[in-house]
Structures are given as C-alpha cells and as structure tokens.
Amino acid sequence: MNSATAPCVERLALTGKELLARVKEQVDVGNVRRVVISTDRQHTLIEIPLPIGTRSDALEPIWAAVRSLGECVPNCTVVIEREVAWPKAAAG
C-alpha cells in the first residue's frame, strides 16, 4: 500500500449507550473503510468492513448488531479506519 492510500486510524473510547449513535455518525461522515468494536480489554467483538459508497440506511442489520453490543457492553473501544486520499478523476 503506498502512502497516498494509507488508512487513517481513529480510536474512540465509548460507553455502550453512545456506541450506536457515534458509529452511525462516523459512517455518515464518509470514507470509513472498516469499523472494529472491542472491549476495554481489547477483545474484538465485531469487525465491520464497509465498501466505498455504503450508505447508513443500507446497514440496518449491522446497526441492530451494534445496538445489541451497546446494551451488553458497558465500555468499549471503537477503531475507525478511513481512506485518507480518494482517487481523483482524470482531467480531460
């Protein structure tokens, strides 16, 4: 992977109550490629790969799983992986 397409990683420490809203918010902002939700002890609970152009409303089954995790886990860490550079259309 070259430096022009290297992912940007952001870590969020969240409570279970704010999990769904914050993850949805991040996906709606755009360019999210992967979301990893883990316990505060770094045990991965779910990894969500997202294809380019995925809209939030197309992810209802995923949101149901994230909502359930938020109800079961009091504290968690969310890793948001984003694409930093988008391919630009050729001028012409």
N, C-alpha and C. Protein backbone atom coordinates (compact mmCIF):
# COMPACT_ATOMS: atom_id res chain seq x y z
N MET A 1 0.85 -1.17 0.00
CA MET A 1 0.00 0.00 0.00
C MET A 1 0.90 1.23 0.00
N ASN A 2 0.70 2.15 -0.94
CA ASN A 2 1.54 3.35 -0.96
C ASN A 2 0.99 4.41 -0.02
N SER A 3 1.79 5.45 0.22
CA SER A 3 1.41 6.46 1.20
C SER A 3 0.19 7.28 0.78
N ALA A 4 -0.13 7.32 -0.51
CA ALA A 4 -1.28 8.10 -0.98
C ALA A 4 -2.60 7.45 -0.58
N THR A 5 -2.58 6.13 -0.35
CA THR A 5 -3.82 5.46 0.01
C THR A 5 -3.75 4.83 1.40
N ALA A 6 -2.80 5.25 2.21
CA ALA A 6 -2.67 4.70 3.56
C ALA A 6 -3.89 5.09 4.40
N PRO A 7 -4.39 4.14 5.19
CA PRO A 7 -5.57 4.44 6.00
C PRO A 7 -5.23 5.33 7.20
N CYS A 8 -6.20 6.06 7.64
CA CYS A 8 -6.11 6.89 8.84
C CYS A 8 -6.92 6.16 9.91
N VAL A 9 -6.33 5.96 11.07
CA VAL A 9 -7.00 5.20 12.12
C VAL A 9 -7.32 6.13 13.28
N GLU A 10 -8.54 6.05 13.75
CA GLU A 10 -9.02 6.86 14.86
C GLU A 10 -9.59 5.93 15.92
N ARG A 11 -9.23 6.13 17.18
CA ARG A 11 -9.74 5.31 18.28
C ARG A 11 -10.67 6.14 19.15
N LEU A 12 -11.81 5.57 19.49
CA LEU A 12 -12.78 6.24 20.34
C LEU A 12 -13.09 5.35 21.53
N ALA A 13 -13.01 5.89 22.73
CA ALA A 13 -13.43 5.17 23.93
C ALA A 13 -14.86 5.61 24.21
N LEU A 14 -15.79 4.66 24.18
CA LEU A 14 -17.21 4.97 24.29
C LEU A 14 -17.88 4.11 25.35
N THR A 15 -19.00 4.61 25.83
CA THR A 15 -19.85 3.79 26.67
C THR A 15 -20.82 3.05 25.76
N GLY A 16 -21.43 2.01 26.27
CA GLY A 16 -22.39 1.24 25.48
C GLY A 16 -23.57 2.08 25.01
N LYS A 17 -23.98 3.05 25.83
CA LYS A 17 -25.13 3.89 25.49
C LYS A 17 -24.87 4.78 24.28
N GLU A 18 -23.63 5.23 24.10
CA GLU A 18 -23.34 6.13 22.99
C GLU A 18 -22.76 5.42 21.77
N LEU A 19 -22.59 4.10 21.85
CA LEU A 19 -21.95 3.33 20.79
C LEU A 19 -22.64 3.48 19.44
N LEU A 20 -23.91 3.16 19.36
CA LEU A 20 -24.62 3.17 18.08
C LEU A 20 -24.62 4.56 17.44
N ALA A 21 -24.95 5.57 18.22
CA ALA A 21 -25.04 6.93 17.67
C ALA A 21 -23.69 7.40 17.12
N ARG A 22 -22.62 7.13 17.84
CA ARG A 22 -21.30 7.60 17.40
C ARG A 22 -20.80 6.84 16.18
N VAL A 23 -21.04 5.53 16.12
CA VAL A 23 -20.60 4.76 14.96
C VAL A 23 -21.39 5.19 13.72
N LYS A 24 -22.70 5.36 13.85
CA LYS A 24 -23.52 5.84 12.73
C LYS A 24 -23.04 7.21 12.26
N GLU A 25 -22.75 8.08 13.20
CA GLU A 25 -22.28 9.43 12.88
C GLU A 25 -20.98 9.37 12.06
N GLN A 26 -20.06 8.52 12.47
CA GLN A 26 -18.78 8.40 11.76
C GLN A 26 -18.97 7.84 10.36
N VAL A 27 -19.83 6.85 10.20
CA VAL A 27 -20.07 6.27 8.88
C VAL A 27 -20.76 7.29 7.97
N ASP A 28 -21.68 8.08 8.52
CA ASP A 28 -22.38 9.09 7.72
C ASP A 28 -21.44 10.19 7.23
N VAL A 29 -20.38 10.46 7.98
CA VAL A 29 -19.41 11.48 7.56
C VAL A 29 -18.74 11.04 6.26
N GLY A 30 -18.49 9.76 6.14
CA GLY A 30 -17.97 9.22 4.89
C GLY A 30 -16.55 8.70 4.99
N ASN A 31 -16.09 8.11 3.95
CA ASN A 31 -14.79 7.49 3.70
C ASN A 31 -14.33 6.50 4.77
N VAL A 32 -15.27 5.91 5.52
CA VAL A 32 -14.92 4.87 6.50
C VAL A 32 -14.82 3.54 5.77
N ARG A 33 -13.69 2.85 5.95
CA ARG A 33 -13.46 1.58 5.28
C ARG A 33 -13.69 0.39 6.20
N ARG A 34 -13.47 0.60 7.53
CA ARG A 34 -13.61 -0.51 8.46
C ARG A 34 -13.87 0.04 9.85
N VAL A 35 -14.71 -0.66 10.60
CA VAL A 35 -15.01 -0.33 11.99
C VAL A 35 -14.76 -1.58 12.82
N VAL A 36 -13.99 -1.43 13.89
CA VAL A 36 -13.72 -2.55 14.80
C VAL A 36 -14.19 -2.13 16.18
N ILE A 37 -15.05 -2.93 16.78
CA ILE A 37 -15.54 -2.66 18.13
C ILE A 37 -14.96 -3.73 19.04
N SER A 38 -14.30 -3.28 20.12
CA SER A 38 -13.69 -4.22 21.05
C SER A 38 -13.99 -3.79 22.48
N THR A 39 -13.78 -4.72 23.41
CA THR A 39 -13.99 -4.42 24.82
C THR A 39 -12.88 -3.50 25.30
N ASP A 40 -13.03 -2.98 26.50
CA ASP A 40 -11.98 -2.12 27.03
C ASP A 40 -10.71 -2.91 27.33
N ARG A 41 -10.78 -4.23 27.28
CA ARG A 41 -9.60 -5.09 27.44
C ARG A 41 -9.05 -5.54 26.09
N GLN A 42 -9.50 -4.92 25.01
CA GLN A 42 -9.02 -5.15 23.65
C GLN A 42 -9.38 -6.52 23.07
N HIS A 43 -10.49 -7.09 23.49
CA HIS A 43 -11.02 -8.31 22.87
C HIS A 43 -12.00 -7.87 21.78
N THR A 44 -11.70 -8.22 20.55
CA THR A 44 -12.52 -7.79 19.43
C THR A 44 -13.89 -8.46 19.49
N LEU A 45 -14.94 -7.64 19.40
CA LEU A 45 -16.31 -8.14 19.41
C LEU A 45 -16.86 -8.26 18.00
N ILE A 46 -16.59 -7.24 17.15
CA ILE A 46 -17.09 -7.26 15.78
C ILE A 46 -16.19 -6.38 14.91
N GLU A 47 -15.95 -6.85 13.69
CA GLU A 47 -15.25 -6.06 12.67
C GLU A 47 -16.23 -5.87 11.52
N ILE A 48 -16.37 -4.63 11.09
CA ILE A 48 -17.32 -4.30 10.04
C ILE A 48 -16.57 -3.69 8.86
N PRO A 49 -16.36 -4.47 7.78
CA PRO A 49 -15.76 -3.87 6.58
C PRO A 49 -16.85 -3.13 5.80
N LEU A 50 -16.52 -1.95 5.30
CA LEU A 50 -17.51 -1.15 4.57
C LEU A 50 -17.01 -0.85 3.16
N PRO A 51 -17.76 -1.27 2.14
CA PRO A 51 -17.37 -0.92 0.78
C PRO A 51 -17.55 0.57 0.54
N ILE A 52 -16.80 1.09 -0.41
CA ILE A 52 -16.90 2.51 -0.74
C ILE A 52 -18.33 2.83 -1.17
N GLY A 53 -18.85 3.92 -0.67
CA GLY A 53 -20.18 4.37 -1.05
C GLY A 53 -21.31 3.75 -0.26
N THR A 54 -20.98 3.02 0.80
CA THR A 54 -22.03 2.42 1.62
C THR A 54 -22.80 3.50 2.36
N ARG A 55 -24.10 3.47 2.25
CA ARG A 55 -24.94 4.45 2.94
C ARG A 55 -25.43 3.86 4.25
N SER A 56 -25.64 4.71 5.21
CA SER A 56 -26.04 4.29 6.54
C SER A 56 -27.34 3.50 6.54
N ASP A 57 -28.31 3.89 5.71
CA ASP A 57 -29.60 3.20 5.72
C ASP A 57 -29.52 1.77 5.15
N ALA A 58 -28.47 1.46 4.41
CA ALA A 58 -28.30 0.12 3.87
C ALA A 58 -27.68 -0.84 4.90
N LEU A 59 -27.35 -0.31 6.06
CA LEU A 59 -26.66 -1.10 7.07
C LEU A 59 -27.53 -1.46 8.26
N GLU A 60 -28.83 -1.53 8.10
CA GLU A 60 -29.73 -1.81 9.22
C GLU A 60 -29.39 -3.09 9.99
N PRO A 61 -29.03 -4.19 9.31
CA PRO A 61 -28.66 -5.39 10.09
C PRO A 61 -27.41 -5.15 10.94
N ILE A 62 -26.48 -4.39 10.42
CA ILE A 62 -25.26 -4.06 11.18
C ILE A 62 -25.63 -3.19 12.37
N TRP A 63 -26.50 -2.20 12.17
CA TRP A 63 -26.90 -1.32 13.27
C TRP A 63 -27.62 -2.10 14.37
N ALA A 64 -28.36 -3.12 14.00
CA ALA A 64 -29.03 -3.95 15.00
C ALA A 64 -27.99 -4.68 15.86
N ALA A 65 -26.93 -5.18 15.23
CA ALA A 65 -25.86 -5.86 15.97
C ALA A 65 -25.12 -4.88 16.87
N VAL A 66 -24.83 -3.68 16.38
CA VAL A 66 -24.12 -2.67 17.17
C VAL A 66 -25.00 -2.23 18.35
N ARG A 67 -26.30 -2.08 18.11
CA ARG A 67 -27.23 -1.71 19.19
C ARG A 67 -27.22 -2.78 20.28
N SER A 68 -27.23 -4.05 19.90
CA SER A 68 -27.19 -5.14 20.87
C SER A 68 -25.89 -5.15 21.66
N LEU A 69 -24.78 -4.90 20.98
CA LEU A 69 -23.50 -4.82 21.69
C LEU A 69 -23.50 -3.69 22.70
N GLY A 70 -24.07 -2.56 22.32
CA GLY A 70 -24.13 -1.41 23.22
C GLY A 70 -24.93 -1.70 24.48
N GLU A 71 -25.92 -2.57 24.36
CA GLU A 71 -26.72 -2.93 25.52
C GLU A 71 -26.00 -3.93 26.43
N CYS A 72 -25.05 -4.68 25.87
CA CYS A 72 -24.36 -5.72 26.64
C CYS A 72 -23.02 -5.27 27.21
N VAL A 73 -22.37 -4.31 26.57
CA VAL A 73 -21.02 -3.91 26.96
C VAL A 73 -21.06 -2.50 27.55
N PRO A 74 -20.64 -2.34 28.80
CA PRO A 74 -20.70 -1.00 29.41
C PRO A 74 -19.69 -0.02 28.82
N ASN A 75 -18.49 -0.49 28.48
CA ASN A 75 -17.45 0.37 27.91
C ASN A 75 -16.79 -0.38 26.76
N CYS A 76 -16.42 0.36 25.72
CA CYS A 76 -15.79 -0.28 24.58
C CYS A 76 -14.87 0.70 23.87
N THR A 77 -14.06 0.14 22.99
CA THR A 77 -13.18 0.93 22.14
C THR A 77 -13.61 0.70 20.70
N VAL A 78 -13.73 1.77 19.95
CA VAL A 78 -14.09 1.68 18.54
C VAL A 78 -12.92 2.20 17.72
N VAL A 79 -12.48 1.41 16.77
CA VAL A 79 -11.42 1.83 15.86
C VAL A 79 -12.07 2.10 14.51
N ILE A 80 -11.91 3.33 14.04
CA ILE A 80 -12.46 3.75 12.75
C ILE A 80 -11.29 3.86 11.78
N GLU A 81 -11.34 3.10 10.70
CA GLU A 81 -10.29 3.17 9.68
C GLU A 81 -10.86 3.89 8.47
N ARG A 82 -10.21 4.97 8.07
CA ARG A 82 -10.68 5.78 6.94
C ARG A 82 -9.65 5.79 5.81
N GLU A 83 -10.14 6.00 4.61
CA GLU A 83 -9.27 6.26 3.48
C GLU A 83 -8.91 7.73 3.51
N VAL A 84 -7.64 8.03 3.48
CA VAL A 84 -7.20 9.42 3.54
C VAL A 84 -7.36 10.07 2.17
N ALA A 85 -6.88 9.42 1.14
CA ALA A 85 -6.90 10.00 -0.21
C ALA A 85 -7.85 9.22 -1.11
N TRP A 86 -8.73 9.92 -1.78
CA TRP A 86 -9.62 9.30 -2.75
C TRP A 86 -9.00 9.43 -4.11
N PRO A 87 -9.17 8.44 -5.00
CA PRO A 87 -8.64 8.58 -6.36
C PRO A 87 -9.34 9.74 -7.06
N LYS A 88 -8.57 10.56 -7.71
CA LYS A 88 -9.14 11.71 -8.42
C LYS A 88 -9.40 11.34 -9.86
N ALA A 89 -10.51 11.89 -10.39
CA ALA A 89 -10.86 11.64 -11.79
C ALA A 89 -9.83 12.33 -12.70
N ALA A 90 -9.52 11.69 -13.79
CA ALA A 90 -8.54 12.26 -14.72
C ALA A 90 -9.16 13.47 -15.41
N ALA A 91 -8.40 14.54 -15.48
CA ALA A 91 -8.87 15.75 -16.15
C ALA A 91 -8.88 15.49 -17.65
N GLY A 92 -9.90 15.96 -18.28
CA GLY A 92 -9.87 15.71 -19.71
C GLY A 92 -11.13 15.99 -20.30
